[in-house]
């Protein structure tokens, strides 16, 4: 069977105390998994393998079901540092389609309007992106988990409400055009906590005197943590199910790199597919179970 080497920080799966003391796992969330699914999967695997009755496990930032990419999953005492990692800047690869819009600003809902986009050149896009750098005010999508009138905003959106949420400050550090293939563009962005990438797509379309919606989203980094050092839930399960196998892990207090050998069939899929589903911001909120 073909093998691949994945550079990771690791611990030994036979030491249950490591998880209670606090471990940080880098997981590459698959398409259509909820962030809660990822946390529950990790928690169940650890407690069964370690024969632990109760273990606190949480994550440092939600990804929507139709987004893929990096999630930081913490166990034991490491969950106390979740807010610290949630506050870090995030990096995304966003696929945006120019010339059409949807009510949710992504692919959760159907197209509601089309606009001319033939006038948009790469030079025009580059100059327009410059206007988004630095601190700006962003209006969150109504299809979000923010509270409005005592209810989650997305419940009002699904009833057809056109209420607008108040703007909040965000900071975009970097925007880079990775692909320009009109009407589709791919943009790498580095931004602050609380930035809605699909709201950025909406605003970009308006700034380009057209319309736009998010059609694909992948988170590639949180602070200095990168998806290159993350593993899929399947790889995690394979490692933790093998006695005395090194478990993929990233302990922020360690600085030595180890490697593990895993089946290539258990590797992660790095392709961008699907789109953000639009319930919560891409960097979301803390969740522990």
C-alpha atoms as a PDB file:
ATOM      1  CA  UNK A   1       0.000   0.000   0.000  1.00  0.00           C
ATOM      2  CA  UNK A   2       1.318   3.395  -0.961  1.00  0.00           C
ATOM      3  CA  UNK A   3       2.446   5.468   2.003  1.00  0.00           C
ATOM      4  CA  UNK A   4       2.750   9.209   2.479  1.00  0.00           C
ATOM      5  CA  UNK A   5       4.565  11.154   5.159  1.00  0.00           C
ATOM      6  CA  UNK A   6       2.621  13.917   6.856  1.00  0.00           C
ATOM      7  CA  UNK A   7       4.703  16.411   8.885  1.00  0.00           C
ATOM      8  CA  UNK A   8       2.885  16.952  12.166  1.00  0.00           C
ATOM      9  CA  UNK A   9       3.306  17.454  15.836  1.00  0.00           C
ATOM     10  CA  UNK A  10       2.288  14.265  17.612  1.00  0.00           C
ATOM     11  CA  UNK A  11       1.662  12.452  20.873  1.00  0.00           C
ATOM     12  CA  UNK A  12       1.368   8.776  21.660  1.00  0.00           C
ATOM     13  CA  UNK A  13      -2.168   7.423  21.520  1.00  0.00           C
ATOM     14  CA  UNK A  14      -1.610   5.179  24.516  1.00  0.00           C
ATOM     15  CA  UNK A  15      -1.211   8.084  26.957  1.00  0.00           C
ATOM     16  CA  UNK A  16      -4.719   9.156  27.983  1.00  0.00           C
ATOM     17  CA  UNK A  17      -3.352  11.799  30.350  1.00  0.00           C
ATOM     18  CA  UNK A  18      -2.076  13.766  27.360  1.00  0.00           C
ATOM     19  CA  UNK A  19      -5.621  14.497  26.231  1.00  0.00           C
ATOM     20  CA  UNK A  20      -6.811  15.574  29.662  1.00  0.00           C
ATOM     21  CA  UNK A  21      -3.723  17.743  30.113  1.00  0.00           C
ATOM     22  CA  UNK A  22      -4.594  19.453  26.851  1.00  0.00           C
ATOM     23  CA  UNK A  23      -3.896  18.702  23.210  1.00  0.00           C
ATOM     24  CA  UNK A  24      -4.461  20.694  20.038  1.00  0.00           C
ATOM     25  CA  UNK A  25      -5.440  18.834  16.867  1.00  0.00           C
ATOM     26  CA  UNK A  26      -5.435  20.367  13.394  1.00  0.00           C
ATOM     27  CA  UNK A  27      -8.326  18.907  11.398  1.00  0.00           C
ATOM     28  CA  UNK A  28      -9.100  19.465   7.723  1.00  0.00           C
ATOM     29  CA  UNK A  29     -12.899  19.637   7.765  1.00  0.00           C
ATOM     30  CA  UNK A  30     -14.513  17.725   4.900  1.00  0.00           C
ATOM     31  CA  UNK A  31     -17.246  19.096   2.690  1.00  0.00           C
ATOM     32  CA  UNK A  32     -20.758  18.915   4.210  1.00  0.00           C
ATOM     33  CA  UNK A  33     -19.529  18.142   7.738  1.00  0.00           C
ATOM     34  CA  UNK A  34     -20.672  20.599  10.388  1.00  0.00           C
ATOM     35  CA  UNK A  35     -18.113  21.883  12.859  1.00  0.00           C
ATOM     36  CA  UNK A  36     -20.112  20.097  15.554  1.00  0.00           C
ATOM     37  CA  UNK A  37     -19.681  16.849  13.601  1.00  0.00           C
ATOM     38  CA  UNK A  38     -15.897  17.291  13.707  1.00  0.00           C
ATOM     39  CA  UNK A  39     -15.849  17.927  17.464  1.00  0.00           C
ATOM     40  CA  UNK A  40     -18.127  14.964  18.202  1.00  0.00           C
ATOM     41  CA  UNK A  41     -16.091  12.646  15.966  1.00  0.00           C
ATOM     42  CA  UNK A  42     -12.822  13.558  17.691  1.00  0.00           C
ATOM     43  CA  UNK A  43     -14.337  13.351  21.154  1.00  0.00           C
ATOM     44  CA  UNK A  44     -15.910   9.946  20.527  1.00  0.00           C
ATOM     45  CA  UNK A  45     -12.720   8.502  19.053  1.00  0.00           C
ATOM     46  CA  UNK A  46     -10.575   9.764  21.934  1.00  0.00           C
ATOM     47  CA  UNK A  47     -12.911   8.641  24.726  1.00  0.00           C
ATOM     48  CA  UNK A  48     -13.392   5.167  23.232  1.00  0.00           C
ATOM     49  CA  UNK A  49      -9.705   4.616  22.504  1.00  0.00           C
ATOM     50  CA  UNK A  50      -8.548   6.042  25.845  1.00  0.00           C
ATOM     51  CA  UNK A  51     -11.477   4.574  27.812  1.00  0.00           C
ATOM     52  CA  UNK A  52     -12.196   8.040  29.210  1.00  0.00           C
ATOM     53  CA  UNK A  53     -15.723   8.574  30.495  1.00  0.00           C
ATOM     54  CA  UNK A  54     -15.721  12.339  30.221  1.00  0.00           C
ATOM     55  CA  UNK A  55     -13.493  14.672  28.235  1.00  0.00           C
ATOM     56  CA  UNK A  56     -14.036  18.262  27.212  1.00  0.00           C
ATOM     57  CA  UNK A  57     -13.402  18.871  23.518  1.00  0.00           C
ATOM     58  CA  UNK A  58     -14.008  22.093  21.604  1.00  0.00           C
ATOM     59  CA  UNK A  59     -12.986  24.023  18.529  1.00  0.00           C
ATOM     60  CA  UNK A  60     -11.586  27.498  17.949  1.00  0.00           C
ATOM     61  CA  UNK A  61     -13.734  28.716  15.088  1.00  0.00           C
ATOM     62  CA  UNK A  62     -16.653  27.357  13.094  1.00  0.00           C
ATOM     63  CA  UNK A  63     -16.710  26.497   9.420  1.00  0.00           C
ATOM     64  CA  UNK A  64     -20.017  26.204   7.567  1.00  0.00           C
ATOM     65  CA  UNK A  65     -20.978  22.763   6.196  1.00  0.00           C
ATOM     66  CA  UNK A  66     -20.233  23.685   2.572  1.00  0.00           C
ATOM     67  CA  UNK A  67     -16.822  25.126   3.424  1.00  0.00           C
ATOM     68  CA  UNK A  68     -13.701  23.011   3.887  1.00  0.00           C
ATOM     69  CA  UNK A  69     -10.373  23.519   5.593  1.00  0.00           C
ATOM     70  CA  UNK A  70      -8.620  24.127   8.864  1.00  0.00           C
ATOM     71  CA  UNK A  71     -10.254  23.671  12.245  1.00  0.00           C
ATOM     72  CA  UNK A  72      -8.389  23.799  15.558  1.00  0.00           C
ATOM     73  CA  UNK A  73      -9.800  21.124  17.866  1.00  0.00           C
ATOM     74  CA  UNK A  74      -8.747  21.192  21.526  1.00  0.00           C
ATOM     75  CA  UNK A  75      -9.055  18.665  24.338  1.00  0.00           C
ATOM     76  CA  UNK A  76      -8.903  18.919  28.114  1.00  0.00           C
ATOM     77  CA  UNK A  77      -7.222  21.970  29.564  1.00  0.00           C
ATOM     78  CA  UNK A  78      -6.325  23.258  26.095  1.00  0.00           C
ATOM     79  CA  UNK A  79      -9.976  24.310  25.679  1.00  0.00           C
ATOM     80  CA  UNK A  80      -9.215  27.183  28.076  1.00  0.00           C
ATOM     81  CA  UNK A  81      -7.126  28.767  25.315  1.00  0.00           C
ATOM     82  CA  UNK A  82      -9.810  28.560  22.636  1.00  0.00           C
ATOM     83  CA  UNK A  83     -10.632  32.270  22.774  1.00  0.00           C
ATOM     84  CA  UNK A  84      -6.964  33.080  22.256  1.00  0.00           C
ATOM     85  CA  UNK A  85      -6.885  31.150  18.983  1.00  0.00           C
ATOM     86  CA  UNK A  86     -10.299  32.410  17.915  1.00  0.00           C
ATOM     87  CA  UNK A  87      -8.945  35.959  18.014  1.00  0.00           C
ATOM     88  CA  UNK A  88      -6.204  35.150  15.483  1.00  0.00           C
ATOM     89  CA  UNK A  89      -6.422  36.308  11.874  1.00  0.00           C
ATOM     90  CA  UNK A  90      -7.792  33.798   9.380  1.00  0.00           C
ATOM     91  CA  UNK A  91      -6.738  33.025   5.823  1.00  0.00           C
ATOM     92  CA  UNK A  92      -9.168  31.817   3.163  1.00  0.00           C
ATOM     93  CA  UNK A  93      -9.311  30.848  -0.472  1.00  0.00           C
ATOM     94  CA  UNK A  94     -12.596  32.175  -1.812  1.00  0.00           C
ATOM     95  CA  UNK A  95     -14.147  31.373  -5.181  1.00  0.00           C
ATOM     96  CA  UNK A  96     -16.458  34.180  -6.262  1.00  0.00           C
ATOM     97  CA  UNK A  97     -18.753  34.270  -9.259  1.00  0.00           C
ATOM     98  CA  UNK A  98     -19.287  37.702 -10.778  1.00  0.00           C
ATOM     99  CA  UNK A  99     -22.528  38.791 -12.388  1.00  0.00           C
ATOM    100  CA  UNK A 100     -25.116  37.181 -10.135  1.00  0.00           C
ATOM    101  CA  UNK A 101     -26.349  37.366  -6.564  1.00  0.00           C
ATOM    102  CA  UNK A 102     -28.233  35.196  -4.082  1.00  0.00           C
ATOM    103  CA  UNK A 103     -30.138  36.217  -0.920  1.00  0.00           C
ATOM    104  CA  UNK A 104     -27.567  34.469   1.287  1.00  0.00           C
ATOM    105  CA  UNK A 105     -24.596  35.765  -0.781  1.00  0.00           C
ATOM    106  CA  UNK A 106     -23.499  32.149  -1.349  1.00  0.00           C
ATOM    107  CA  UNK A 107     -24.894  28.886  -2.724  1.00  0.00           C
ATOM    108  CA  UNK A 108     -27.284  28.147   0.145  1.00  0.00           C
ATOM    109  CA  UNK A 109     -29.991  29.963  -1.811  1.00  0.00           C
ATOM    110  CA  UNK A 110     -30.846  30.294  -5.498  1.00  0.00           C
ATOM    111  CA  UNK A 111     -29.912  33.149  -7.803  1.00  0.00           C
ATOM    112  CA  UNK A 112     -32.148  36.179  -7.319  1.00  0.00           C
ATOM    113  CA  UNK A 113     -30.599  38.602  -9.818  1.00  0.00           C
ATOM    114  CA  UNK A 114     -28.084  38.746 -12.681  1.00  0.00           C
ATOM    115  CA  UNK A 115     -25.888  41.679 -13.696  1.00  0.00           C
ATOM    116  CA  UNK A 116     -23.489  42.574 -16.518  1.00  0.00           C
ATOM    117  CA  UNK A 117     -19.903  41.583 -15.707  1.00  0.00           C
ATOM    118  CA  UNK A 118     -18.158  41.796 -19.087  1.00  0.00           C
ATOM    119  CA  UNK A 119     -16.721  45.193 -18.179  1.00  0.00           C
ATOM    120  CA  UNK A 120     -14.700  43.777 -15.272  1.00  0.00           C
ATOM    121  CA  UNK A 121     -11.006  43.438 -16.108  1.00  0.00           C
ATOM    122  CA  UNK A 122      -8.190  42.102 -13.946  1.00  0.00           C
ATOM    123  CA  UNK A 123      -6.836  45.634 -13.553  1.00  0.00           C
ATOM    124  CA  UNK A 124     -10.250  46.877 -12.419  1.00  0.00           C
ATOM    125  CA  UNK A 125     -10.475  44.020  -9.919  1.00  0.00           C
ATOM    126  CA  UNK A 126      -6.992  44.734  -8.547  1.00  0.00           C
ATOM    127  CA  UNK A 127      -7.767  48.417  -7.993  1.00  0.00           C
ATOM    128  CA  UNK A 128     -11.120  47.616  -6.416  1.00  0.00           C
ATOM    129  CA  UNK A 129      -9.597  45.120  -3.978  1.00  0.00           C
ATOM    130  CA  UNK A 130      -7.282  47.837  -2.675  1.00  0.00           C
ATOM    131  CA  UNK A 131     -10.337  49.659  -1.328  1.00  0.00           C
ATOM    132  CA  UNK A 132     -11.128  46.738   0.972  1.00  0.00           C
ATOM    133  CA  UNK A 133      -7.749  46.634   2.706  1.00  0.00           C
ATOM    134  CA  UNK A 134      -7.458  47.846   6.284  1.00  0.00           C
ATOM    135  CA  UNK A 135     -10.296  48.460   8.712  1.00  0.00           C
ATOM    136  CA  UNK A 136     -13.780  48.782   7.239  1.00  0.00           C
ATOM    137  CA  UNK A 137     -17.385  48.436   8.354  1.00  0.00           C
ATOM    138  CA  UNK A 138     -19.106  45.264   7.132  1.00  0.00           C
ATOM    139  CA  UNK A 139     -22.830  44.528   7.217  1.00  0.00           C
ATOM    140  CA  UNK A 140     -23.261  40.824   8.166  1.00  0.00           C
ATOM    141  CA  UNK A 141     -25.589  38.659   6.075  1.00  0.00           C
ATOM    142  CA  UNK A 142     -29.101  38.230   7.402  1.00  0.00           C
ATOM    143  CA  UNK A 143     -28.442  34.526   6.816  1.00  0.00           C
ATOM    144  CA  UNK A 144     -26.235  34.382   9.909  1.00  0.00           C
ATOM    145  CA  UNK A 145     -26.325  33.297  13.534  1.00  0.00           C
ATOM    146  CA  UNK A 146     -26.330  36.841  14.886  1.00  0.00           C
ATOM    147  CA  UNK A 147     -29.268  37.714  17.134  1.00  0.00           C
ATOM    148  CA  UNK A 148     -31.867  40.127  15.874  1.00  0.00           C
ATOM    149  CA  UNK A 149     -35.093  40.882  17.723  1.00  0.00           C
ATOM    150  CA  UNK A 150     -34.288  38.045  20.122  1.00  0.00           C
ATOM    151  CA  UNK A 151     -33.971  35.463  17.345  1.00  0.00           C
ATOM    152  CA  UNK A 152     -31.223  34.097  15.157  1.00  0.00           C
ATOM    153  CA  UNK A 153     -31.070  36.298  12.084  1.00  0.00           C
ATOM    154  CA  UNK A 154     -31.245  33.342   9.687  1.00  0.00           C
ATOM    155  CA  UNK A 155     -34.701  32.398  11.013  1.00  0.00           C
ATOM    156  CA  UNK A 156     -35.964  35.823   9.952  1.00  0.00           C
ATOM    157  CA  UNK A 157     -34.158  35.588   6.613  1.00  0.00           C
ATOM    158  CA  UNK A 158     -35.854  32.311   5.803  1.00  0.00           C
ATOM    159  CA  UNK A 159     -39.215  33.926   6.449  1.00  0.00           C
ATOM    160  CA  UNK A 160     -38.460  36.549   3.814  1.00  0.00           C
ATOM    161  CA  UNK A 161     -37.486  39.430   6.095  1.00  0.00           C
ATOM    162  CA  UNK A 162     -35.409  42.178   4.475  1.00  0.00           C
ATOM    163  CA  UNK A 163     -34.169  43.614   7.771  1.00  0.00           C
ATOM    164  CA  UNK A 164     -30.536  44.686   7.698  1.00  0.00           C
ATOM    165  CA  UNK A 165     -28.106  43.906  10.499  1.00  0.00           C
ATOM    166  CA  UNK A 166     -25.985  46.757  11.882  1.00  0.00           C
ATOM    167  CA  UNK A 167     -22.432  46.990  10.502  1.00  0.00           C
ATOM    168  CA  UNK A 168     -19.437  45.930  12.561  1.00  0.00           C
ATOM    169  CA  UNK A 169     -15.705  46.665  12.139  1.00  0.00           C
ATOM    170  CA  UNK A 170     -13.459  44.154  10.383  1.00  0.00           C
ATOM    171  CA  UNK A 171      -9.860  44.282   9.202  1.00  0.00           C
ATOM    172  CA  UNK A 172      -8.566  42.770   5.956  1.00  0.00           C
ATOM    173  CA  UNK A 173      -4.790  42.464   5.884  1.00  0.00           C
ATOM    174  CA  UNK A 174      -4.224  40.963   2.455  1.00  0.00           C
ATOM    175  CA  UNK A 175      -6.101  40.266  -0.772  1.00  0.00           C
ATOM    176  CA  UNK A 176      -4.476  38.401  -3.646  1.00  0.00           C
ATOM    177  CA  UNK A 177      -5.942  37.321  -6.964  1.00  0.00           C
ATOM    178  CA  UNK A 178      -5.120  33.638  -7.414  1.00  0.00           C
ATOM    179  CA  UNK A 179      -7.224  33.093 -10.535  1.00  0.00           C
ATOM    180  CA  UNK A 180      -8.989  35.465 -12.902  1.00  0.00           C
ATOM    181  CA  UNK A 181     -11.274  33.517 -15.222  1.00  0.00           C
ATOM    182  CA  UNK A 182     -14.414  35.653 -15.652  1.00  0.00           C
ATOM    183  CA  UNK A 183     -17.023  35.320 -14.449  1.00  0.00           C
ATOM    184  CA  UNK A 184     -15.145  33.277 -11.818  1.00  0.00           C
ATOM    185  CA  UNK A 185     -12.332  34.683  -9.697  1.00  0.00           C
ATOM    186  CA  UNK A 186     -10.382  33.067  -6.867  1.00  0.00           C
ATOM    187  CA  UNK A 187      -9.055  35.306  -4.114  1.00  0.00           C
ATOM    188  CA  UNK A 188      -6.811  34.614  -1.145  1.00  0.00           C
ATOM    189  CA  UNK A 189      -7.669  36.791   1.815  1.00  0.00           C
ATOM    190  CA  UNK A 190      -6.231  37.303   5.284  1.00  0.00           C
ATOM    191  CA  UNK A 191      -8.751  38.884   7.632  1.00  0.00           C
ATOM    192  CA  UNK A 192      -9.768  39.442  11.222  1.00  0.00           C
ATOM    193  CA  UNK A 193     -12.130  37.407  13.347  1.00  0.00           C
ATOM    194  CA  UNK A 194     -15.776  37.995  12.498  1.00  0.00           C
ATOM    195  CA  UNK A 195     -15.262  38.689   8.801  1.00  0.00           C
ATOM    196  CA  UNK A 196     -18.006  37.223   6.618  1.00  0.00           C
ATOM    197  CA  UNK A 197     -16.375  36.117   3.386  1.00  0.00           C
ATOM    198  CA  UNK A 198     -19.723  35.938   1.594  1.00  0.00           C
ATOM    199  CA  UNK A 199     -20.507  39.501   2.679  1.00  0.00           C
ATOM    200  CA  UNK A 200     -17.148  40.465   1.194  1.00  0.00           C
ATOM    201  CA  UNK A 201     -18.259  38.796  -2.064  1.00  0.00           C
ATOM    202  CA  UNK A 202     -21.492  40.829  -1.979  1.00  0.00           C
ATOM    203  CA  UNK A 203     -19.635  44.086  -1.385  1.00  0.00           C
ATOM    204  CA  UNK A 204     -17.049  43.276  -4.054  1.00  0.00           C
ATOM    205  CA  UNK A 205     -19.791  42.781  -6.640  1.00  0.00           C
ATOM    206  CA  UNK A 206     -21.324  46.142  -5.769  1.00  0.00           C
ATOM    207  CA  UNK A 207     -17.946  47.881  -5.902  1.00  0.00           C
ATOM    208  CA  UNK A 208     -17.390  46.404  -9.362  1.00  0.00           C
ATOM    209  CA  UNK A 209     -20.741  47.842 -10.509  1.00  0.00           C
ATOM    210  CA  UNK A 210     -22.124  44.353 -10.877  1.00  0.00           C
ATOM    211  CA  UNK A 211     -23.115  41.563  -8.499  1.00  0.00           C
ATOM    212  CA  UNK A 212     -21.257  38.619  -6.986  1.00  0.00           C
ATOM    213  CA  UNK A 213     -21.729  35.584  -4.757  1.00  0.00           C
ATOM    214  CA  UNK A 214     -19.471  33.110  -2.996  1.00  0.00           C
ATOM    215  CA  UNK A 215     -19.354  29.686  -4.663  1.00  0.00           C
ATOM    216  CA  UNK A 216     -16.464  28.042  -2.806  1.00  0.00           C
ATOM    217  CA  UNK A 217     -14.611  28.562   0.473  1.00  0.00           C
ATOM    218  CA  UNK A 218     -11.596  26.924   2.069  1.00  0.00           C
ATOM    219  CA  UNK A 219      -9.841  28.069   5.251  1.00  0.00           C
ATOM    220  CA  UNK A 220      -6.109  27.625   4.872  1.00  0.00           C
ATOM    221  CA  UNK A 221      -4.736  29.175   8.072  1.00  0.00           C
ATOM    222  CA  UNK A 222      -5.555  30.413  11.568  1.00  0.00           C
ATOM    223  CA  UNK A 223      -2.714  32.533  12.870  1.00  0.00           C
ATOM    224  CA  UNK A 224       0.412  30.442  12.271  1.00  0.00           C
ATOM    225  CA  UNK A 225      -1.548  27.188  12.135  1.00  0.00           C
ATOM    226  CA  UNK A 226      -1.911  25.998   8.523  1.00  0.00           C
ATOM    227  CA  UNK A 227      -4.075  23.430   6.804  1.00  0.00           C
ATOM    228  CA  UNK A 228      -0.894  21.853   5.398  1.00  0.00           C
ATOM    229  CA  UNK A 229      -0.318  20.394   8.872  1.00  0.00           C
ATOM    230  CA  UNK A 230      -3.928  19.253   9.300  1.00  0.00           C
ATOM    231  CA  UNK A 231      -5.355  15.781   8.732  1.00  0.00           C
ATOM    232  CA  UNK A 232      -8.778  14.515   7.759  1.00  0.00           C
ATOM    233  CA  UNK A 233     -11.082  12.867  10.317  1.00  0.00           C
ATOM    234  CA  UNK A 234     -10.377   9.556   8.553  1.00  0.00           C
ATOM    235  CA  UNK A 235      -6.622   9.917   9.063  1.00  0.00           C
ATOM    236  CA  UNK A 236      -7.193  10.881  12.691  1.00  0.00           C
ATOM    237  CA  UNK A 237      -9.366   7.794  13.201  1.00  0.00           C
ATOM    238  CA  UNK A 238      -6.763   5.558  11.590  1.00  0.00           C
ATOM    239  CA  UNK A 239      -4.005   6.894  13.812  1.00  0.00           C
ATOM    240  CA  UNK A 240      -5.891   6.764  17.100  1.00  0.00           C
ATOM    241  CA  UNK A 241      -7.289   3.287  16.370  1.00  0.00           C
ATOM    242  CA  UNK A 242      -3.801   1.802  15.999  1.00  0.00           C
ATOM    243  CA  UNK A 243      -2.200   0.804  19.328  1.00  0.00           C
ATOM    244  CA  UNK A 244       0.913   2.805  20.216  1.00  0.00           C
ATOM    245  CA  UNK A 245       0.645   4.826  17.024  1.00  0.00           C
ATOM    246  CA  UNK A 246       1.694   8.434  16.942  1.00  0.00           C
ATOM    247  CA  UNK A 247      -1.446  10.562  16.894  1.00  0.00           C
ATOM    248  CA  UNK A 248      -1.470  13.655  14.671  1.00  0.00           C
ATOM    249  CA  UNK A 249      -1.458  16.630  16.986  1.00  0.00           C
ATOM    250  CA  UNK A 250      -0.183  20.170  17.299  1.00  0.00           C
ATOM    251  CA  UNK A 251       0.865  21.155  20.781  1.00  0.00           C
ATOM    252  CA  UNK A 252       1.499  24.934  20.751  1.00  0.00           C
ATOM    253  CA  UNK A 253       4.046  24.507  23.527  1.00  0.00           C
ATOM    254  CA  UNK A 254       6.174  22.148  21.420  1.00  0.00           C
ATOM    255  CA  UNK A 255       8.447  23.106  18.560  1.00  0.00           C
ATOM    256  CA  UNK A 256       9.740  19.751  17.317  1.00  0.00           C
ATOM    257  CA  UNK A 257       8.329  18.259  14.139  1.00  0.00           C
ATOM    258  CA  UNK A 258       7.582  14.547  13.859  1.00  0.00           C
ATOM    259  CA  UNK A 259       6.147  12.446  11.038  1.00  0.00           C
ATOM    260  CA  UNK A 260       3.651   9.616  10.836  1.00  0.00           C
ATOM    261  CA  UNK A 261       3.031   7.101   8.062  1.00  0.00           C
ATOM    262  CA  UNK A 262      -0.541   6.766   6.851  1.00  0.00           C
ATOM    263  CA  UNK A 263      -2.332   5.212   3.933  1.00  0.00           C
ATOM    264  CA  UNK A 264      -2.661   7.585   0.996  1.00  0.00           C
ATOM    265  CA  UNK A 265      -6.362   6.734   0.885  1.00  0.00           C
ATOM    266  CA  UNK A 266      -6.776   8.464   4.243  1.00  0.00           C
ATOM    267  CA  UNK A 267      -5.208  11.739   3.128  1.00  0.00           C
ATOM    268  CA  UNK A 268      -7.067  15.019   2.949  1.00  0.00           C
ATOM    269  CA  UNK A 269      -8.713  16.511  -0.118  1.00  0.00           C
ATOM    270  CA  UNK A 270      -7.250  19.946  -0.642  1.00  0.00           C
ATOM    271  CA  UNK A 271      -9.615  21.003  -3.410  1.00  0.00           C
ATOM    272  CA  UNK A 272     -12.051  23.825  -2.914  1.00  0.00           C
ATOM    273  CA  UNK A 273     -15.570  22.588  -3.380  1.00  0.00           C
ATOM    274  CA  UNK A 274     -19.033  23.805  -2.492  1.00  0.00           C
ATOM    275  CA  UNK A 275     -19.717  27.123  -0.787  1.00  0.00           C
ATOM    276  CA  UNK A 276     -20.212  28.585   2.638  1.00  0.00           C
ATOM    277  CA  UNK A 277     -23.724  27.711   3.782  1.00  0.00           C
ATOM    278  CA  UNK A 278     -24.324  30.986   5.526  1.00  0.00           C
ATOM    279  CA  UNK A 279     -25.404  30.392   9.115  1.00  0.00           C
ATOM    280  CA  UNK A 280     -22.415  31.808  10.935  1.00  0.00           C
ATOM    281  CA  UNK A 281     -19.211  33.647  10.052  1.00  0.00           C
ATOM    282  CA  UNK A 282     -16.440  31.506   8.694  1.00  0.00           C
ATOM    283  CA  UNK A 283     -14.490  31.895  11.918  1.00  0.00           C
ATOM    284  CA  UNK A 284     -17.587  31.408  14.055  1.00  0.00           C
ATOM    285  CA  UNK A 285     -17.798  30.835  17.769  1.00  0.00           C
ATOM    286  CA  UNK A 286     -16.323  28.522  20.389  1.00  0.00           C
ATOM    287  CA  UNK A 287     -18.072  25.186  20.703  1.00  0.00           C
ATOM    288  CA  UNK A 288     -17.386  22.525  23.299  1.00  0.00           C
ATOM    289  CA  UNK A 289     -19.085  19.247  24.096  1.00  0.00           C
END
